[in-house]
Amino acid sequence: MKDKKSLIIYFSRADENYFGGEMRYVDKGNTEVIAEYIKDIVGADIFKVEPLNPYPKDYMECIEEAKVRTKEHNAPIKENIPDISEYDVIYVGSPIYWGGMPEELFTALKGHDYNGKIIRPFTTHEGSGLSGVPRQLNEICVGAEVLDGLGIIGSQVNNSKQKVEEWI
């Protein structure tokens, strides 16, 4: 994969996060850490999907807001993803919100031509693995080949660069 033109599209949230049974504030979200590892390893371009309306800093309030956005399929984003036509491989990174990707990633990924693209999903979680993300990407990215993904436990992201490199 290292010789292919690659783009990383990811959603990540800092602030208060859940880490193996405790709440902790972080300056950089877990998925962003993994996205940066991939960028370093393959030299990919990178794009962070950001919500037009930021999530609350408090974790419990955040997950309740995520539940509403998922139910209503309403999650506008600040900026659309770049033209993907020049890319062979698209890495899609996501925390797990209510069994799948945050609604903002649906907003970002819909409506593009994925024919001939390779999609490589990666998630950060505290026990959910890839959850429903591969299925969701197969539904959204019609025409792409969605390969096996990588799930990293959020509380272990800072020690996971080797695991990411082995996956790539």
C-alpha atoms as a PDB file:
ATOM      1  CA  MET A   1       0.000   0.000   0.000  1.00  0.00           C
ATOM      2  CA  LYS A   2       2.960   2.300   0.532  1.00  0.00           C
ATOM      3  CA  ASP A   3       3.443   2.811  -3.215  1.00  0.00           C
ATOM      4  CA  LYS A   4      -0.141   3.927  -3.888  1.00  0.00           C
ATOM      5  CA  LYS A   5      -1.456   7.513  -3.776  1.00  0.00           C
ATOM      6  CA  SER A   6      -3.305   7.655  -0.467  1.00  0.00           C
ATOM      7  CA  LEU A   7      -5.678   9.930   1.429  1.00  0.00           C
ATOM      8  CA  ILE A   8      -6.639   9.682   5.083  1.00  0.00           C
ATOM      9  CA  ILE A   9     -10.124  10.915   5.959  1.00  0.00           C
ATOM     10  CA  TYR A  10     -10.870  10.801   9.651  1.00  0.00           C
ATOM     11  CA  PHE A  11     -13.028  12.135  12.452  1.00  0.00           C
ATOM     12  CA  SER A  12     -11.553  12.590  15.904  1.00  0.00           C
ATOM     13  CA  ARG A  13     -12.549  14.373  19.074  1.00  0.00           C
ATOM     14  CA  ALA A  14     -10.348  15.642  21.880  1.00  0.00           C
ATOM     15  CA  ASP A  15     -11.675  16.951  25.225  1.00  0.00           C
ATOM     16  CA  GLU A  16     -13.036  14.483  27.783  1.00  0.00           C
ATOM     17  CA  ASN A  17     -12.713  10.861  26.621  1.00  0.00           C
ATOM     18  CA  TYR A  18     -13.343   7.433  28.119  1.00  0.00           C
ATOM     19  CA  PHE A  19     -10.205   5.344  28.714  1.00  0.00           C
ATOM     20  CA  GLY A  20     -10.688   1.848  30.075  1.00  0.00           C
ATOM     21  CA  GLY A  21     -13.072   2.777  32.855  1.00  0.00           C
ATOM     22  CA  GLU A  22     -12.053   6.359  33.581  1.00  0.00           C
ATOM     23  CA  MET A  23     -12.627   9.787  32.087  1.00  0.00           C
ATOM     24  CA  ARG A  24      -9.633  11.818  30.988  1.00  0.00           C
ATOM     25  CA  TYR A  25      -9.129  15.047  29.040  1.00  0.00           C
ATOM     26  CA  VAL A  26      -6.938  14.836  25.949  1.00  0.00           C
ATOM     27  CA  ASP A  27      -5.618  17.553  23.650  1.00  0.00           C
ATOM     28  CA  LYS A  28      -5.681  15.279  20.609  1.00  0.00           C
ATOM     29  CA  GLY A  29      -8.305  12.643  19.872  1.00  0.00           C
ATOM     30  CA  ASN A  30      -7.333   8.980  19.655  1.00  0.00           C
ATOM     31  CA  THR A  31      -8.296   8.586  16.006  1.00  0.00           C
ATOM     32  CA  GLU A  32      -6.167  11.595  15.105  1.00  0.00           C
ATOM     33  CA  VAL A  33      -3.133   9.924  16.679  1.00  0.00           C
ATOM     34  CA  ILE A  34      -3.628   6.842  14.487  1.00  0.00           C
ATOM     35  CA  ALA A  35      -4.277   8.994  11.388  1.00  0.00           C
ATOM     36  CA  GLU A  36      -0.950  10.745  11.960  1.00  0.00           C
ATOM     37  CA  TYR A  37       0.831   7.383  12.286  1.00  0.00           C
ATOM     38  CA  ILE A  38      -0.580   6.328   8.913  1.00  0.00           C
ATOM     39  CA  LYS A  39       0.458   9.661   7.376  1.00  0.00           C
ATOM     40  CA  ASP A  40       4.019   9.154   8.656  1.00  0.00           C
ATOM     41  CA  ILE A  41       4.185   5.550   7.414  1.00  0.00           C
ATOM     42  CA  VAL A  42       2.713   5.921   3.902  1.00  0.00           C
ATOM     43  CA  GLY A  43       3.149   9.649   3.205  1.00  0.00           C
ATOM     44  CA  ALA A  44      -0.596  10.056   2.638  1.00  0.00           C
ATOM     45  CA  ASP A  45      -2.488  13.300   2.365  1.00  0.00           C
ATOM     46  CA  ILE A  46      -4.748  13.857   5.341  1.00  0.00           C
ATOM     47  CA  PHE A  47      -8.152  15.449   5.936  1.00  0.00           C
ATOM     48  CA  LYS A  48      -9.894  15.861   9.282  1.00  0.00           C
ATOM     49  CA  VAL A  49     -13.695  15.930   9.155  1.00  0.00           C
ATOM     50  CA  GLU A  50     -14.910  18.543  11.603  1.00  0.00           C
ATOM     51  CA  PRO A  51     -18.493  19.092  12.708  1.00  0.00           C
ATOM     52  CA  LEU A  52     -20.076  22.428  11.928  1.00  0.00           C
ATOM     53  CA  ASN A  53     -21.490  22.322  15.464  1.00  0.00           C
ATOM     54  CA  PRO A  54     -18.782  21.003  17.816  1.00  0.00           C
ATOM     55  CA  TYR A  55     -19.643  18.302  20.299  1.00  0.00           C
ATOM     56  CA  PRO A  56     -19.748  19.210  24.000  1.00  0.00           C
ATOM     57  CA  LYS A  57     -16.437  18.867  25.850  1.00  0.00           C
ATOM     58  CA  ASP A  58     -18.070  16.651  28.500  1.00  0.00           C
ATOM     59  CA  TYR A  59     -17.984  12.980  27.446  1.00  0.00           C
ATOM     60  CA  MET A  60     -21.485  12.037  28.642  1.00  0.00           C
ATOM     61  CA  GLU A  61     -22.996  15.071  26.927  1.00  0.00           C
ATOM     62  CA  CYS A  62     -21.018  14.256  23.795  1.00  0.00           C
ATOM     63  CA  ILE A  63     -22.326  10.704  23.513  1.00  0.00           C
ATOM     64  CA  GLU A  64     -25.897  11.872  24.028  1.00  0.00           C
ATOM     65  CA  GLU A  65     -25.436  14.465  21.276  1.00  0.00           C
ATOM     66  CA  ALA A  66     -23.923  11.774  19.029  1.00  0.00           C
ATOM     67  CA  LYS A  67     -27.000   9.628  19.627  1.00  0.00           C
ATOM     68  CA  VAL A  68     -29.269  12.466  18.477  1.00  0.00           C
ATOM     69  CA  ARG A  69     -27.174  13.194  15.364  1.00  0.00           C
ATOM     70  CA  THR A  70     -27.136   9.501  14.460  1.00  0.00           C
ATOM     71  CA  LYS A  71     -30.878   9.115  14.936  1.00  0.00           C
ATOM     72  CA  GLU A  72     -31.700  12.248  12.942  1.00  0.00           C
ATOM     73  CA  HIS A  73     -28.949  11.735  10.298  1.00  0.00           C
ATOM     74  CA  ASN A  74     -28.125  15.393  10.777  1.00  0.00           C
ATOM     75  CA  ALA A  75     -24.460  16.271  11.114  1.00  0.00           C
ATOM     76  CA  PRO A  76     -23.274  19.112   8.883  1.00  0.00           C
ATOM     77  CA  ILE A  77     -19.526  19.531   8.533  1.00  0.00           C
ATOM     78  CA  LYS A  78     -17.288  22.603   8.268  1.00  0.00           C
ATOM     79  CA  GLU A  79     -15.663  21.627   4.981  1.00  0.00           C
ATOM     80  CA  ASN A  80     -16.190  18.975   2.315  1.00  0.00           C
ATOM     81  CA  ILE A  81     -13.490  16.385   1.689  1.00  0.00           C
ATOM     82  CA  PRO A  82     -11.129  17.096  -1.215  1.00  0.00           C
ATOM     83  CA  ASP A  83     -11.556  15.569  -4.664  1.00  0.00           C
ATOM     84  CA  ILE A  84     -10.761  11.872  -4.271  1.00  0.00           C
ATOM     85  CA  SER A  85     -10.307  11.075  -7.966  1.00  0.00           C
ATOM     86  CA  GLU A  86      -6.490  11.103  -7.814  1.00  0.00           C
ATOM     87  CA  TYR A  87      -6.269   8.662  -4.891  1.00  0.00           C
ATOM     88  CA  ASP A  88      -5.941   4.873  -5.059  1.00  0.00           C
ATOM     89  CA  VAL A  89      -6.302   4.146  -1.355  1.00  0.00           C
ATOM     90  CA  ILE A  90      -8.516   5.959   1.135  1.00  0.00           C
ATOM     91  CA  TYR A  91      -7.987   5.322   4.829  1.00  0.00           C
ATOM     92  CA  VAL A  92     -11.135   6.134   6.801  1.00  0.00           C
ATOM     93  CA  GLY A  93     -10.665   6.660  10.536  1.00  0.00           C
ATOM     94  CA  SER A  94     -13.365   6.797  13.148  1.00  0.00           C
ATOM     95  CA  PRO A  95     -14.096   6.466  16.819  1.00  0.00           C
ATOM     96  CA  ILE A  96     -17.058   4.198  17.508  1.00  0.00           C
ATOM     97  CA  TYR A  97     -20.239   6.102  18.301  1.00  0.00           C
ATOM     98  CA  TRP A  98     -23.313   3.992  18.992  1.00  0.00           C
ATOM     99  CA  GLY A  99     -22.078   0.977  17.056  1.00  0.00           C
ATOM    100  CA  GLY A 100     -20.592   2.745  14.065  1.00  0.00           C
ATOM    101  CA  MET A 101     -19.097   5.898  12.603  1.00  0.00           C
ATOM    102  CA  PRO A 102     -20.056   9.373  13.762  1.00  0.00           C
ATOM    103  CA  GLU A 103     -22.711  10.851  11.509  1.00  0.00           C
ATOM    104  CA  GLU A 104     -20.217  13.494  10.308  1.00  0.00           C
ATOM    105  CA  LEU A 105     -18.306  10.818   8.412  1.00  0.00           C
ATOM    106  CA  PHE A 106     -21.491   9.802   6.593  1.00  0.00           C
ATOM    107  CA  THR A 107     -21.955  13.453   5.599  1.00  0.00           C
ATOM    108  CA  ALA A 108     -18.357  13.684   4.368  1.00  0.00           C
ATOM    109  CA  LEU A 109     -18.254  10.391   2.466  1.00  0.00           C
ATOM    110  CA  LYS A 110     -21.610  10.438   0.664  1.00  0.00           C
ATOM    111  CA  GLY A 111     -21.861  11.352  -3.000  1.00  0.00           C
ATOM    112  CA  HIS A 112     -18.355  10.522  -4.264  1.00  0.00           C
ATOM    113  CA  ASP A 113     -17.216   8.140  -6.991  1.00  0.00           C
ATOM    114  CA  TYR A 114     -15.472   5.217  -5.308  1.00  0.00           C
ATOM    115  CA  ASN A 115     -15.131   2.967  -8.355  1.00  0.00           C
ATOM    116  CA  GLY A 116     -11.715   1.314  -8.298  1.00  0.00           C
ATOM    117  CA  LYS A 117     -10.771   2.752  -4.888  1.00  0.00           C
ATOM    118  CA  ILE A 118      -9.447   0.742  -1.966  1.00  0.00           C
ATOM    119  CA  ILE A 119     -10.907   1.668   1.421  1.00  0.00           C
ATOM    120  CA  ARG A 120      -8.956   0.835   4.590  1.00  0.00           C
ATOM    121  CA  PRO A 121     -11.005   1.449   7.750  1.00  0.00           C
ATOM    122  CA  PHE A 122      -9.456   2.064  11.140  1.00  0.00           C
ATOM    123  CA  THR A 123     -11.198   2.723  14.430  1.00  0.00           C
ATOM    124  CA  THR A 124     -10.421   3.674  17.988  1.00  0.00           C
ATOM    125  CA  HIS A 125     -12.604   2.208  20.692  1.00  0.00           C
ATOM    126  CA  GLU A 126     -12.700   0.865  24.222  1.00  0.00           C
ATOM    127  CA  GLY A 127     -13.989  -2.592  23.364  1.00  0.00           C
ATOM    128  CA  SER A 128     -16.081  -2.282  20.183  1.00  0.00           C
ATOM    129  CA  GLY A 129     -13.400  -3.169  17.629  1.00  0.00           C
ATOM    130  CA  LEU A 130     -14.450  -2.177  14.115  1.00  0.00           C
ATOM    131  CA  SER A 131     -18.122  -2.529  15.091  1.00  0.00           C
ATOM    132  CA  GLY A 132     -20.389  -1.682  12.117  1.00  0.00           C
ATOM    133  CA  VAL A 133     -17.842   0.473  10.270  1.00  0.00           C
ATOM    134  CA  PRO A 134     -16.876  -1.967   7.461  1.00  0.00           C
ATOM    135  CA  ARG A 135     -20.556  -2.588   6.661  1.00  0.00           C
ATOM    136  CA  GLN A 136     -21.267   1.149   6.694  1.00  0.00           C
ATOM    137  CA  LEU A 137     -18.341   1.848   4.367  1.00  0.00           C
ATOM    138  CA  ASN A 138     -19.490  -0.868   1.959  1.00  0.00           C
ATOM    139  CA  GLU A 139     -22.898   0.838   1.827  1.00  0.00           C
ATOM    140  CA  ILE A 140     -21.534   4.373   1.333  1.00  0.00           C
ATOM    141  CA  CYS A 141     -18.472   3.728  -0.844  1.00  0.00           C
ATOM    142  CA  VAL A 142     -20.173   1.831  -3.666  1.00  0.00           C
ATOM    143  CA  GLY A 143     -17.677   0.512  -6.189  1.00  0.00           C
ATOM    144  CA  ALA A 144     -14.770   0.450  -3.735  1.00  0.00           C
ATOM    145  CA  GLU A 145     -13.047  -2.566  -2.271  1.00  0.00           C
ATOM    146  CA  VAL A 146     -13.266  -2.285   1.516  1.00  0.00           C
ATOM    147  CA  LEU A 147     -10.316  -4.204   2.972  1.00  0.00           C
ATOM    148  CA  ASP A 148      -9.823  -5.554   6.465  1.00  0.00           C
ATOM    149  CA  GLY A 149      -9.684  -2.813   9.020  1.00  0.00           C
ATOM    150  CA  LEU A 150      -7.760  -2.101  12.164  1.00  0.00           C
ATOM    151  CA  GLY A 151      -9.279  -1.433  15.568  1.00  0.00           C
ATOM    152  CA  ILE A 152      -7.088   0.134  18.239  1.00  0.00           C
ATOM    153  CA  ILE A 153      -8.110   0.468  21.868  1.00  0.00           C
ATOM    154  CA  GLY A 154      -8.164   4.195  22.574  1.00  0.00           C
ATOM    155  CA  SER A 155      -6.200   3.982  25.790  1.00  0.00           C
ATOM    156  CA  GLN A 156      -3.402   2.220  23.833  1.00  0.00           C
ATOM    157  CA  VAL A 157      -3.065   4.568  20.828  1.00  0.00           C
ATOM    158  CA  ASN A 158       0.139   6.190  22.018  1.00  0.00           C
ATOM    159  CA  ASN A 159       1.891   2.808  21.928  1.00  0.00           C
ATOM    160  CA  SER A 160       0.365   1.509  18.688  1.00  0.00           C
ATOM    161  CA  LYS A 161       2.537   2.813  15.847  1.00  0.00           C
ATOM    162  CA  GLN A 162       4.150  -0.615  15.339  1.00  0.00           C
ATOM    163  CA  LYS A 163       0.717  -2.265  15.166  1.00  0.00           C
ATOM    164  CA  VAL A 164      -0.390   0.304  12.562  1.00  0.00           C
ATOM    165  CA  GLU A 165       2.749  -0.305  10.497  1.00  0.00           C
ATOM    166  CA  GLU A 166       2.177  -4.072  10.560  1.00  0.00           C
ATOM    167  CA  TRP A 167      -1.422  -3.568   9.399  1.00  0.00           C
ATOM    168  CA  ILE A 168      -0.366  -1.383   6.488  1.00  0.00           C
END
